Every structure is written in structure tokens, then in C-alpha cells.
């Protein structure tokens, strides 16, 4: 798949949620309340969305947002 400008799409997912503990590992308190921010065509736009959501929740130490490199999961052999 290619975007209109000729660049290959490198899909990224941004999501987050409240962790059960601040010490070690990533375990969410309630999977049903995960915040699926969106899917983005490149890392730069995903990072911008991640930063915005992380900033919104800065007062809650248990909230964490993540960027998942979907393109690596969809095509693990690509370089």
C-alpha cells in the first residue's frame, strides 16, 4: 500500500489505559476502558497523538499511553 505521495504506509496504533501498579510490567486495570486513540500512517503523527494524550493525563500517575508499530506486526520480514 502506498500513500498518494508515494511513501509506504507505516501504520502505528496509539492506545492507553490505567495500570494496576506502577512497579513493573504493563497490566491494565480495566481492559474495557482502554482508550484507543487511533491508527496513524507514520511514526511522527502517532508520536504527536501520543504526546497529546499523555499530556492530558499527566495528573494520573497510573495512566500510560503507548505507540505500537503495527507495520512490524503486519509484515515482520520487511526491513
Protein backbone atom coordinates (compact mmCIF):
# COMPACT_ATOMS: atom_id res chain seq x y z
CA UNK A 1 0.00 0.00 0.00
CA UNK A 2 1.27 3.44 -0.79
CA UNK A 3 0.04 6.87 0.10
CA UNK A 4 -0.65 9.43 -2.59
CA UNK A 5 2.80 11.00 -2.12
CA UNK A 6 4.49 7.68 -2.92
CA UNK A 7 5.62 6.86 0.62
CA UNK A 8 4.89 3.45 2.08
CA UNK A 9 2.39 3.47 4.94
CA UNK A 10 3.97 2.51 8.24
CA UNK A 11 0.88 2.08 10.42
CA UNK A 12 1.07 2.88 14.12
CA UNK A 13 -1.56 2.37 16.83
CA UNK A 14 -1.81 4.74 19.80
CA UNK A 15 -3.67 3.49 22.86
CA UNK A 16 -3.57 3.74 26.62
CA UNK A 17 -5.17 2.93 29.88
CA UNK A 18 -4.82 2.88 33.62
CA UNK A 19 -2.25 0.44 35.00
CA UNK A 20 -2.87 -1.72 38.07
CA UNK A 21 0.54 -0.90 39.51
CA UNK A 22 3.42 1.49 38.96
CA UNK A 23 6.01 -1.17 39.74
CA UNK A 24 6.96 -3.41 36.87
CA UNK A 25 5.08 -4.70 33.89
CA UNK A 26 2.13 -3.48 31.94
CA UNK A 27 -1.16 -4.74 33.29
CA UNK A 28 -4.26 -2.65 32.74
CA UNK A 29 -6.82 -2.13 35.50
CA UNK A 30 -9.82 -2.47 33.13
CA UNK A 31 -9.41 -3.71 29.56
CA UNK A 32 -12.90 -2.50 28.74
CA UNK A 33 -11.90 1.08 29.37
CA UNK A 34 -8.76 1.18 27.21
CA UNK A 35 -8.50 4.41 25.24
CA UNK A 36 -7.95 3.57 21.56
CA UNK A 37 -6.67 6.91 20.31
CA UNK A 38 -6.23 5.93 16.68
CA UNK A 39 -4.18 4.45 13.86
CA UNK A 40 -1.70 6.72 12.09
CA UNK A 41 0.16 6.42 8.78
CA UNK A 42 3.60 7.22 10.20
CA UNK A 43 5.50 7.44 13.47
CA UNK A 44 5.64 11.23 13.51
CA UNK A 45 1.86 11.64 13.57
CA UNK A 46 1.46 8.76 16.06
CA UNK A 47 4.02 10.38 18.35
CA UNK A 48 2.15 13.68 18.23
CA UNK A 49 -1.09 11.93 19.24
CA UNK A 50 0.73 10.01 21.98
CA UNK A 51 2.26 13.21 23.39
CA UNK A 52 -1.11 14.97 23.41
CA UNK A 53 -2.88 12.12 25.26
CA UNK A 54 -0.01 11.68 27.71
CA UNK A 55 -0.10 15.39 28.48
CA UNK A 56 -3.87 15.30 29.06
CA UNK A 57 -3.45 12.60 31.71
CA UNK A 58 -0.25 13.84 33.36
CA UNK A 59 -2.01 14.18 36.73
CA UNK A 60 -2.84 10.44 36.86
CA UNK A 61 0.39 8.51 37.50
CA UNK A 62 -1.29 5.21 36.60
CA UNK A 63 -2.28 6.29 33.07
CA UNK A 64 0.05 5.20 30.29
CA UNK A 65 -0.14 5.61 26.54
CA UNK A 66 1.76 3.53 24.01
CA UNK A 67 2.69 3.59 20.34
CA UNK A 68 2.53 0.16 18.67
CA UNK A 69 4.34 -0.33 15.37
CA UNK A 70 1.54 -2.15 13.53
CA UNK A 71 3.54 -2.28 10.30
CA UNK A 72 6.09 -4.52 12.08
CA UNK A 73 3.33 -6.89 13.19
CA UNK A 74 1.69 -6.97 9.77
CA UNK A 75 4.92 -7.57 7.86
CA UNK A 76 7.60 -8.84 10.25
CA UNK A 77 10.02 -9.74 7.43
CA UNK A 78 10.11 -6.23 5.96
CA UNK A 79 13.23 -4.16 6.50
